[in-house]
Amino acid sequence: MTINIEPIRYDRVSLCLHWLTALLVVEQWVGAHLIDEFAKGAPRIAARSVHISLGLTLGIILIARILWRATGGRKLPPADQGLLQFIAKGAHWLLYALLIGVVSAGIFFVWVRGDSFFGLFSVPAFDPGNKILRHNVAETHELLANAILIVAGLHAAAALVHHYLWHDGVLRRMMPGRG
């Protein structure tokens, strides 16, 4: 007789919010690097508007994720102890901080630069002649986005180490499906 015990997993809402966040982070990074490839005018405004829309969506998902984690998400025992647990927890908090920072900087960038949203309405520029402020906010937004990719890449690499080297089931806790 075989007993099929499903591994301890995060709940569906946590899984969905995690993978939506990951997907949007990658899409937003790639999309940001493609915006200038669009012709000036309506095509570039549309590309930038999509980027802004998905950035706001990421912000909403982030808020939902933080609220869910604080109130309803399944709490699992730590995968590691000691220093590894400290590093893992620190990496998660760092990812949250970077996500909050990049979304906030993106919103501020729209306000500083001024923007048209799909040609439907415009966000007036905060200080149209202040190129230094616009440059600094753009650099901050880009720096935070790159930092997210680096930390998320290390996070993914750690999950792969758990799965392929340590065979401890940590990756399966966050994978969709039946384990």
N, C-alpha and C. Protein backbone atom coordinates (compact mmCIF):
# COMPACT_ATOMS: atom_id res chain seq x y z
N MET A 1 0.84 -1.18 0.00
CA MET A 1 0.00 0.00 0.00
C MET A 1 0.89 1.24 0.00
N THR A 2 0.62 2.16 -0.93
CA THR A 2 1.39 3.40 -1.04
C THR A 2 0.59 4.54 -0.45
N ILE A 3 1.22 5.30 0.41
CA ILE A 3 0.58 6.47 0.99
C ILE A 3 1.15 7.69 0.28
N ASN A 4 0.27 8.47 -0.33
CA ASN A 4 0.69 9.67 -1.05
C ASN A 4 0.47 10.88 -0.14
N ILE A 5 1.54 11.39 0.41
CA ILE A 5 1.45 12.55 1.29
C ILE A 5 1.90 13.77 0.49
N GLU A 6 1.00 14.73 0.38
CA GLU A 6 1.33 15.96 -0.35
C GLU A 6 2.27 16.79 0.52
N PRO A 7 3.31 17.35 -0.06
CA PRO A 7 4.25 18.14 0.73
C PRO A 7 3.59 19.41 1.28
N ILE A 8 4.17 19.94 2.34
CA ILE A 8 3.68 21.20 2.89
C ILE A 8 3.88 22.26 1.81
N ARG A 9 2.81 23.00 1.52
CA ARG A 9 2.85 23.99 0.45
C ARG A 9 2.22 25.28 0.93
N TYR A 10 2.57 26.33 0.24
CA TYR A 10 1.89 27.59 0.47
C TYR A 10 0.49 27.50 -0.12
N ASP A 11 -0.40 28.34 0.37
CA ASP A 11 -1.78 28.35 -0.11
C ASP A 11 -1.84 28.93 -1.52
N ARG A 12 -2.96 28.70 -2.19
CA ARG A 12 -3.12 29.13 -3.58
C ARG A 12 -2.98 30.63 -3.78
N VAL A 13 -3.51 31.41 -2.84
CA VAL A 13 -3.41 32.86 -2.97
C VAL A 13 -1.94 33.29 -2.91
N SER A 14 -1.20 32.75 -1.96
CA SER A 14 0.23 33.08 -1.85
C SER A 14 0.99 32.67 -3.11
N LEU A 15 0.69 31.48 -3.62
CA LEU A 15 1.34 31.02 -4.85
C LEU A 15 1.03 31.95 -6.02
N CYS A 16 -0.23 32.29 -6.15
CA CYS A 16 -0.65 33.16 -7.26
C CYS A 16 0.02 34.53 -7.16
N LEU A 17 0.02 35.12 -5.97
CA LEU A 17 0.63 36.44 -5.80
C LEU A 17 2.14 36.39 -6.02
N HIS A 18 2.78 35.32 -5.57
CA HIS A 18 4.23 35.17 -5.77
C HIS A 18 4.58 35.12 -7.25
N TRP A 19 3.89 34.24 -7.99
CA TRP A 19 4.24 34.05 -9.41
C TRP A 19 3.79 35.22 -10.27
N LEU A 20 2.68 35.89 -9.91
CA LEU A 20 2.30 37.11 -10.63
C LEU A 20 3.35 38.20 -10.43
N THR A 21 3.85 38.31 -9.20
CA THR A 21 4.90 39.28 -8.92
C THR A 21 6.14 38.98 -9.76
N ALA A 22 6.56 37.72 -9.75
CA ALA A 22 7.76 37.34 -10.51
C ALA A 22 7.58 37.62 -12.00
N LEU A 23 6.43 37.25 -12.54
CA LEU A 23 6.15 37.48 -13.95
C LEU A 23 6.17 38.97 -14.29
N LEU A 24 5.51 39.78 -13.46
CA LEU A 24 5.46 41.22 -13.73
C LEU A 24 6.82 41.88 -13.59
N VAL A 25 7.63 41.43 -12.63
CA VAL A 25 8.96 42.01 -12.47
C VAL A 25 9.79 41.78 -13.73
N VAL A 26 9.77 40.57 -14.24
CA VAL A 26 10.55 40.26 -15.45
C VAL A 26 9.98 41.02 -16.64
N GLU A 27 8.66 41.01 -16.79
CA GLU A 27 8.03 41.70 -17.91
C GLU A 27 8.32 43.18 -17.86
N GLN A 28 8.23 43.78 -16.69
CA GLN A 28 8.46 45.23 -16.56
C GLN A 28 9.91 45.59 -16.89
N TRP A 29 10.84 44.75 -16.47
CA TRP A 29 12.25 45.03 -16.77
C TRP A 29 12.50 44.96 -18.27
N VAL A 30 12.02 43.89 -18.89
CA VAL A 30 12.19 43.74 -20.34
C VAL A 30 11.45 44.85 -21.08
N GLY A 31 10.21 45.09 -20.68
CA GLY A 31 9.40 46.13 -21.33
C GLY A 31 10.03 47.51 -21.25
N ALA A 32 10.63 47.83 -20.10
CA ALA A 32 11.27 49.14 -19.93
C ALA A 32 12.43 49.31 -20.91
N HIS A 33 13.12 48.22 -21.19
CA HIS A 33 14.25 48.30 -22.12
C HIS A 33 13.82 48.35 -23.59
N LEU A 34 12.56 48.08 -23.84
CA LEU A 34 12.06 48.11 -25.22
C LEU A 34 11.30 49.38 -25.57
N ILE A 35 10.94 50.18 -24.57
CA ILE A 35 10.11 51.36 -24.82
C ILE A 35 10.72 52.28 -25.87
N ASP A 36 12.01 52.54 -25.77
CA ASP A 36 12.64 53.46 -26.72
C ASP A 36 12.77 52.89 -28.13
N GLU A 37 12.49 51.61 -28.30
CA GLU A 37 12.50 51.00 -29.63
C GLU A 37 11.25 51.37 -30.43
N PHE A 38 10.22 51.83 -29.74
CA PHE A 38 8.99 52.22 -30.41
C PHE A 38 9.15 53.61 -31.01
N ALA A 39 8.48 53.84 -32.11
CA ALA A 39 8.54 55.14 -32.77
C ALA A 39 7.97 56.20 -31.84
N LYS A 40 8.54 57.41 -31.93
CA LYS A 40 8.03 58.51 -31.11
C LYS A 40 6.58 58.77 -31.47
N GLY A 41 5.86 59.33 -30.51
CA GLY A 41 4.45 59.61 -30.71
C GLY A 41 3.59 58.53 -30.11
N ALA A 42 2.50 58.22 -30.79
CA ALA A 42 1.50 57.29 -30.26
C ALA A 42 2.06 55.90 -29.90
N PRO A 43 2.93 55.30 -30.75
CA PRO A 43 3.44 53.98 -30.37
C PRO A 43 4.24 53.99 -29.06
N ARG A 44 5.09 54.99 -28.88
CA ARG A 44 5.89 55.06 -27.65
C ARG A 44 5.03 55.42 -26.46
N ILE A 45 4.05 56.29 -26.66
CA ILE A 45 3.12 56.63 -25.58
C ILE A 45 2.36 55.38 -25.15
N ALA A 46 1.93 54.57 -26.10
CA ALA A 46 1.22 53.33 -25.77
C ALA A 46 2.14 52.37 -25.00
N ALA A 47 3.38 52.23 -25.45
CA ALA A 47 4.31 51.33 -24.77
C ALA A 47 4.57 51.81 -23.35
N ARG A 48 4.78 53.11 -23.19
CA ARG A 48 5.01 53.66 -21.86
C ARG A 48 3.75 53.53 -21.00
N SER A 49 2.60 53.70 -21.59
CA SER A 49 1.33 53.56 -20.85
C SER A 49 1.12 52.14 -20.37
N VAL A 50 1.49 51.16 -21.20
CA VAL A 50 1.41 49.76 -20.78
C VAL A 50 2.36 49.53 -19.61
N HIS A 51 3.56 50.08 -19.69
CA HIS A 51 4.54 49.93 -18.61
C HIS A 51 4.00 50.54 -17.31
N ILE A 52 3.42 51.71 -17.42
CA ILE A 52 2.84 52.37 -16.24
C ILE A 52 1.69 51.55 -15.68
N SER A 53 0.81 51.07 -16.56
CA SER A 53 -0.34 50.26 -16.12
C SER A 53 0.10 49.00 -15.40
N LEU A 54 1.09 48.32 -15.97
CA LEU A 54 1.55 47.08 -15.34
C LEU A 54 2.35 47.37 -14.07
N GLY A 55 3.01 48.52 -14.01
CA GLY A 55 3.68 48.93 -12.78
C GLY A 55 2.68 49.19 -11.67
N LEU A 56 1.57 49.85 -12.00
CA LEU A 56 0.51 50.06 -11.00
C LEU A 56 -0.11 48.72 -10.59
N THR A 57 -0.27 47.82 -11.55
CA THR A 57 -0.78 46.48 -11.24
C THR A 57 0.17 45.77 -10.28
N LEU A 58 1.46 45.89 -10.53
CA LEU A 58 2.46 45.31 -9.62
C LEU A 58 2.32 45.90 -8.23
N GLY A 59 2.10 47.20 -8.15
CA GLY A 59 1.90 47.85 -6.85
C GLY A 59 0.68 47.31 -6.12
N ILE A 60 -0.40 47.11 -6.84
CA ILE A 60 -1.62 46.56 -6.22
C ILE A 60 -1.39 45.13 -5.76
N ILE A 61 -0.72 44.34 -6.58
CA ILE A 61 -0.42 42.96 -6.21
C ILE A 61 0.51 42.94 -4.99
N LEU A 62 1.45 43.86 -4.94
CA LEU A 62 2.35 43.94 -3.80
C LEU A 62 1.60 44.26 -2.51
N ILE A 63 0.68 45.21 -2.58
CA ILE A 63 -0.14 45.54 -1.41
C ILE A 63 -0.96 44.32 -0.99
N ALA A 64 -1.59 43.67 -1.97
CA ALA A 64 -2.38 42.47 -1.66
C ALA A 64 -1.51 41.39 -1.04
N ARG A 65 -0.32 41.24 -1.57
CA ARG A 65 0.60 40.21 -1.07
C ARG A 65 1.02 40.48 0.37
N ILE A 66 1.34 41.73 0.67
CA ILE A 66 1.74 42.08 2.04
C ILE A 66 0.56 41.88 2.99
N LEU A 67 -0.62 42.33 2.59
CA LEU A 67 -1.81 42.15 3.44
C LEU A 67 -2.12 40.67 3.63
N TRP A 68 -2.06 39.89 2.55
CA TRP A 68 -2.35 38.46 2.65
C TRP A 68 -1.33 37.77 3.56
N ARG A 69 -0.08 38.12 3.38
CA ARG A 69 0.97 37.49 4.19
C ARG A 69 0.78 37.83 5.67
N ALA A 70 0.33 39.05 5.95
CA ALA A 70 0.15 39.49 7.34
C ALA A 70 -1.11 38.92 7.98
N THR A 71 -2.11 38.56 7.16
CA THR A 71 -3.40 38.18 7.74
C THR A 71 -3.86 36.76 7.42
N GLY A 72 -3.69 36.30 6.19
CA GLY A 72 -4.34 35.05 5.82
C GLY A 72 -3.45 34.00 5.20
N GLY A 73 -2.24 34.35 4.87
CA GLY A 73 -1.38 33.40 4.19
C GLY A 73 -0.92 32.27 5.10
N ARG A 74 -0.70 31.11 4.51
CA ARG A 74 -0.22 29.96 5.26
C ARG A 74 1.21 30.21 5.71
N LYS A 75 1.44 30.01 6.98
CA LYS A 75 2.78 30.16 7.55
C LYS A 75 3.44 28.79 7.58
N LEU A 76 4.57 28.66 6.94
CA LEU A 76 5.30 27.39 6.92
C LEU A 76 6.52 27.49 7.82
N PRO A 77 6.95 26.35 8.34
CA PRO A 77 8.16 26.38 9.15
C PRO A 77 9.36 26.78 8.29
N PRO A 78 10.35 27.42 8.90
CA PRO A 78 11.52 27.83 8.11
C PRO A 78 12.20 26.64 7.48
N ALA A 79 12.73 26.84 6.28
CA ALA A 79 13.42 25.77 5.56
C ALA A 79 14.81 25.53 6.13
N ASP A 80 15.37 26.57 6.71
CA ASP A 80 16.74 26.49 7.23
C ASP A 80 16.76 27.01 8.66
N GLN A 81 17.88 26.81 9.31
CA GLN A 81 18.09 27.32 10.66
C GLN A 81 19.32 28.22 10.66
N GLY A 82 19.46 29.00 11.70
CA GLY A 82 20.67 29.79 11.88
C GLY A 82 20.89 30.83 10.81
N LEU A 83 22.13 30.88 10.33
CA LEU A 83 22.53 31.91 9.37
C LEU A 83 21.74 31.82 8.06
N LEU A 84 21.49 30.61 7.57
CA LEU A 84 20.74 30.47 6.31
C LEU A 84 19.32 31.00 6.46
N GLN A 85 18.69 30.76 7.60
CA GLN A 85 17.35 31.29 7.83
C GLN A 85 17.39 32.81 7.88
N PHE A 86 18.39 33.36 8.54
CA PHE A 86 18.56 34.81 8.63
C PHE A 86 18.73 35.42 7.23
N ILE A 87 19.56 34.80 6.41
CA ILE A 87 19.79 35.28 5.05
C ILE A 87 18.51 35.18 4.22
N ALA A 88 17.80 34.07 4.32
CA ALA A 88 16.55 33.89 3.56
C ALA A 88 15.52 34.94 3.96
N LYS A 89 15.33 35.14 5.25
CA LYS A 89 14.36 36.13 5.72
C LYS A 89 14.79 37.53 5.28
N GLY A 90 16.09 37.82 5.38
CA GLY A 90 16.59 39.12 4.94
C GLY A 90 16.37 39.34 3.45
N ALA A 91 16.57 38.29 2.65
CA ALA A 91 16.36 38.40 1.20
C ALA A 91 14.90 38.68 0.88
N HIS A 92 13.99 38.03 1.60
CA HIS A 92 12.56 38.29 1.37
C HIS A 92 12.20 39.73 1.73
N TRP A 93 12.67 40.20 2.87
CA TRP A 93 12.38 41.59 3.25
C TRP A 93 13.02 42.57 2.28
N LEU A 94 14.23 42.25 1.81
CA LEU A 94 14.89 43.11 0.83
C LEU A 94 14.10 43.17 -0.47
N LEU A 95 13.57 42.03 -0.91
CA LEU A 95 12.75 42.03 -2.13
C LEU A 95 11.50 42.89 -1.95
N TYR A 96 10.84 42.77 -0.80
CA TYR A 96 9.67 43.61 -0.54
C TYR A 96 10.06 45.09 -0.56
N ALA A 97 11.16 45.44 0.10
CA ALA A 97 11.60 46.84 0.15
C ALA A 97 11.93 47.36 -1.25
N LEU A 98 12.63 46.54 -2.03
CA LEU A 98 12.97 46.96 -3.40
C LEU A 98 11.73 47.12 -4.26
N LEU A 99 10.76 46.21 -4.11
CA LEU A 99 9.51 46.33 -4.88
C LEU A 99 8.76 47.60 -4.50
N ILE A 100 8.67 47.87 -3.22
CA ILE A 100 8.01 49.11 -2.78
C ILE A 100 8.76 50.31 -3.36
N GLY A 101 10.08 50.26 -3.31
CA GLY A 101 10.89 51.36 -3.82
C GLY A 101 10.74 51.57 -5.31
N VAL A 102 10.77 50.48 -6.09
CA VAL A 102 10.70 50.64 -7.55
C VAL A 102 9.32 51.12 -8.00
N VAL A 103 8.27 50.63 -7.37
CA VAL A 103 6.92 51.09 -7.73
C VAL A 103 6.76 52.56 -7.34
N SER A 104 7.23 52.92 -6.15
CA SER A 104 7.14 54.32 -5.70
C SER A 104 7.95 55.23 -6.62
N ALA A 105 9.17 54.81 -6.96
CA ALA A 105 10.00 55.63 -7.86
C ALA A 105 9.35 55.74 -9.24
N GLY A 106 8.70 54.67 -9.70
CA GLY A 106 8.01 54.72 -10.99
C GLY A 106 6.87 55.72 -10.98
N ILE A 107 6.09 55.70 -9.91
CA ILE A 107 4.98 56.66 -9.78
C ILE A 107 5.53 58.08 -9.73
N PHE A 108 6.59 58.27 -8.96
CA PHE A 108 7.20 59.59 -8.85
C PHE A 108 7.78 60.03 -10.19
N PHE A 109 8.33 59.09 -10.94
CA PHE A 109 8.90 59.40 -12.25
C PHE A 109 7.82 59.90 -13.21
N VAL A 110 6.66 59.26 -13.20
CA VAL A 110 5.55 59.73 -14.05
C VAL A 110 5.20 61.16 -13.67
N TRP A 111 5.16 61.43 -12.40
CA TRP A 111 4.79 62.77 -11.93
C TRP A 111 5.87 63.80 -12.25
N VAL A 112 7.14 63.42 -12.08
CA VAL A 112 8.24 64.35 -12.35
C VAL A 112 8.35 64.65 -13.84
N ARG A 113 8.26 63.61 -14.65
CA ARG A 113 8.41 63.75 -16.09
C ARG A 113 7.16 64.35 -16.73
N GLY A 114 6.00 63.98 -16.20
CA GLY A 114 4.75 64.29 -16.87
C GLY A 114 4.56 63.25 -17.95
N ASP A 115 3.36 62.83 -18.18
CA ASP A 115 3.16 61.75 -19.14
C ASP A 115 1.74 61.76 -19.67
N SER A 116 1.60 61.19 -20.84
CA SER A 116 0.29 60.96 -21.42
C SER A 116 -0.06 59.51 -21.19
N PHE A 117 -1.28 59.25 -20.79
CA PHE A 117 -1.70 57.88 -20.53
C PHE A 117 -2.61 57.43 -21.66
N PHE A 118 -2.05 56.65 -22.59
CA PHE A 118 -2.76 56.16 -23.77
C PHE A 118 -3.42 57.29 -24.56
N GLY A 119 -2.94 58.51 -24.39
CA GLY A 119 -3.53 59.65 -25.09
C GLY A 119 -4.89 60.05 -24.52
N LEU A 120 -5.33 59.38 -23.45
CA LEU A 120 -6.64 59.68 -22.86
C LEU A 120 -6.60 60.86 -21.92
N PHE A 121 -5.52 60.94 -21.14
CA PHE A 121 -5.32 62.07 -20.24
C PHE A 121 -3.83 62.22 -20.00
N SER A 122 -3.48 63.38 -19.47
CA SER A 122 -2.07 63.66 -19.20
C SER A 122 -1.85 63.90 -17.72
N VAL A 123 -0.71 63.45 -17.26
CA VAL A 123 -0.25 63.78 -15.91
C VAL A 123 0.72 64.95 -16.10
N PRO A 124 0.39 66.12 -15.54
CA PRO A 124 1.28 67.26 -15.74
C PRO A 124 2.62 67.06 -15.04
N ALA A 125 3.67 67.59 -15.63
CA ALA A 125 5.01 67.48 -15.04
C ALA A 125 5.09 68.34 -13.79
N PHE A 126 5.71 67.80 -12.76
CA PHE A 126 5.89 68.49 -11.49
C PHE A 126 6.76 69.74 -11.67
N ASP A 127 7.88 69.57 -12.33
CA ASP A 127 8.82 70.67 -12.55
C ASP A 127 9.44 70.47 -13.93
N PRO A 128 8.75 70.88 -15.00
CA PRO A 128 9.15 70.54 -16.36
C PRO A 128 10.59 70.88 -16.74
N GLY A 129 11.14 71.94 -16.18
CA GLY A 129 12.48 72.34 -16.55
C GLY A 129 13.59 71.68 -15.74
N ASN A 130 13.24 70.88 -14.76
CA ASN A 130 14.23 70.30 -13.86
C ASN A 130 14.73 68.96 -14.41
N LYS A 131 15.67 69.04 -15.33
CA LYS A 131 16.20 67.82 -15.96
C LYS A 131 17.02 66.98 -14.99
N ILE A 132 17.65 67.63 -14.02
CA ILE A 132 18.45 66.89 -13.03
C ILE A 132 17.54 66.01 -12.17
N LEU A 133 16.42 66.57 -11.71
CA LEU A 133 15.48 65.78 -10.91
C LEU A 133 14.95 64.61 -11.73
N ARG A 134 14.55 64.88 -12.96
CA ARG A 134 14.02 63.82 -13.83
C ARG A 134 15.08 62.73 -14.03
N HIS A 135 16.31 63.12 -14.28
CA HIS A 135 17.40 62.16 -14.47
C HIS A 135 17.63 61.33 -13.19
N ASN A 136 17.66 61.99 -12.04
CA ASN A 136 17.91 61.29 -10.78
C ASN A 136 16.80 60.30 -10.44
N VAL A 137 15.57 60.68 -10.68
CA VAL A 137 14.45 59.77 -10.40
C VAL A 137 14.49 58.58 -11.37
N ALA A 138 14.79 58.85 -12.65
CA ALA A 138 14.91 57.77 -13.63
C ALA A 138 16.02 56.81 -13.25
N GLU A 139 17.17 57.35 -12.83
CA GLU A 139 18.30 56.52 -12.41
C GLU A 139 17.94 55.68 -11.18
N THR A 140 17.25 56.27 -10.23
CA THR A 140 16.83 55.54 -9.03
C THR A 140 15.89 54.40 -9.39
N HIS A 141 14.92 54.70 -10.26
CA HIS A 141 13.96 53.68 -10.70
C HIS A 141 14.70 52.52 -11.38
N GLU A 142 15.63 52.85 -12.26
CA GLU A 142 16.40 51.82 -12.97
C GLU A 142 17.31 51.03 -12.03
N LEU A 143 17.95 51.71 -11.10
CA LEU A 143 18.83 51.04 -10.14
C LEU A 143 18.04 50.05 -9.28
N LEU A 144 16.87 50.47 -8.81
CA LEU A 144 16.04 49.58 -8.00
C LEU A 144 15.55 48.38 -8.82
N ALA A 145 15.18 48.63 -10.07
CA ALA A 145 14.72 47.53 -10.94
C ALA A 145 15.85 46.52 -11.16
N ASN A 146 17.05 47.01 -11.40
CA ASN A 146 18.19 46.09 -11.58
C ASN A 146 18.50 45.33 -10.30
N ALA A 147 18.41 46.02 -9.16
CA ALA A 147 18.66 45.36 -7.87
C ALA A 147 17.64 44.25 -7.62
N ILE A 148 16.38 44.50 -7.98
CA ILE A 148 15.36 43.46 -7.82
C ILE A 148 15.74 42.22 -8.62
N LEU A 149 16.15 42.42 -9.87
CA LEU A 149 16.53 41.26 -10.69
C LEU A 149 17.70 40.49 -10.09
N ILE A 150 18.66 41.20 -9.55
CA ILE A 150 19.82 40.53 -8.94
C ILE A 150 19.39 39.74 -7.71
N VAL A 151 18.65 40.37 -6.81
CA VAL A 151 18.22 39.68 -5.58
C VAL A 151 17.26 38.55 -5.91
N ALA A 152 16.34 38.78 -6.85
CA ALA A 152 15.41 37.71 -7.25
C ALA A 152 16.17 36.56 -7.92
N GLY A 153 17.19 36.87 -8.68
CA GLY A 153 18.01 35.82 -9.29
C GLY A 153 18.72 34.98 -8.23
N LEU A 154 19.25 35.64 -7.20
CA LEU A 154 19.87 34.90 -6.10
C LEU A 154 18.85 34.06 -5.34
N HIS A 155 17.65 34.62 -5.18
CA HIS A 155 16.53 33.91 -4.54
C HIS A 155 16.19 32.64 -5.34
N ALA A 156 16.10 32.79 -6.65
CA ALA A 156 15.80 31.63 -7.51
C ALA A 156 16.95 30.62 -7.48
N ALA A 157 18.19 31.11 -7.47
CA ALA A 157 19.34 30.20 -7.40
C ALA A 157 19.33 29.42 -6.09
N ALA A 158 18.98 30.07 -5.00
CA ALA A 158 18.89 29.38 -3.71
C ALA A 158 17.81 28.30 -3.75
N ALA A 159 16.68 28.60 -4.39
CA ALA A 159 15.62 27.61 -4.52
C ALA A 159 16.10 26.41 -5.32
N LEU A 160 16.88 26.65 -6.36
CA LEU A 160 17.41 25.56 -7.18
C LEU A 160 18.44 24.73 -6.40
N VAL A 161 19.23 25.38 -5.56
CA VAL A 161 20.17 24.65 -4.70
C VAL A 161 19.40 23.73 -3.76
N HIS A 162 18.35 24.28 -3.15
CA HIS A 162 17.51 23.46 -2.28
C HIS A 162 16.97 22.25 -3.03
N HIS A 163 16.53 22.47 -4.26
CA HIS A 163 15.88 21.41 -5.02
C HIS A 163 16.86 20.37 -5.56
N TYR A 164 17.92 20.83 -6.21
CA TYR A 164 18.81 19.90 -6.92
C TYR A 164 19.99 19.38 -6.09
N LEU A 165 20.43 20.15 -5.11
CA LEU A 165 21.57 19.70 -4.31
C LEU A 165 21.14 19.12 -2.96
N TRP A 166 20.21 19.81 -2.31
CA TRP A 166 19.82 19.39 -0.97
C TRP A 166 18.58 18.50 -0.96
N HIS A 167 17.82 18.49 -2.05
CA HIS A 167 16.64 17.62 -2.19
C HIS A 167 15.71 17.70 -0.98
N ASP A 168 15.46 18.93 -0.51
CA ASP A 168 14.69 19.08 0.72
C ASP A 168 13.24 19.54 0.52
N GLY A 169 12.79 19.68 -0.70
CA GLY A 169 11.39 20.02 -0.95
C GLY A 169 11.04 21.49 -0.83
N VAL A 170 12.01 22.34 -0.58
CA VAL A 170 11.72 23.76 -0.39
C VAL A 170 11.11 24.37 -1.65
N LEU A 171 11.66 24.07 -2.81
CA LEU A 171 11.13 24.63 -4.06
C LEU A 171 9.69 24.18 -4.29
N ARG A 172 9.38 22.94 -3.98
CA ARG A 172 8.02 22.43 -4.20
C ARG A 172 6.99 23.15 -3.35
N ARG A 173 7.41 23.78 -2.25
CA ARG A 173 6.46 24.52 -1.41
C ARG A 173 5.86 25.70 -2.15
N MET A 174 6.59 26.24 -3.14
CA MET A 174 6.14 27.42 -3.86
C MET A 174 5.72 27.12 -5.31
N MET A 175 5.80 25.88 -5.71
CA MET A 175 5.44 25.53 -7.08
C MET A 175 3.95 25.27 -7.21
N PRO A 176 3.36 25.75 -8.30
CA PRO A 176 1.95 25.43 -8.55
C PRO A 176 1.80 23.95 -8.90
N GLY A 177 0.62 23.45 -8.83
CA GLY A 177 0.37 22.06 -9.19
C GLY A 177 0.29 21.17 -7.96
N ARG A 178 0.51 19.90 -8.17
CA ARG A 178 0.31 18.92 -7.11
C ARG A 178 1.60 18.47 -6.44
N GLY A 179 2.69 19.18 -6.64
CA GLY A 179 3.91 18.82 -5.94
C GLY A 179 4.69 17.78 -6.67
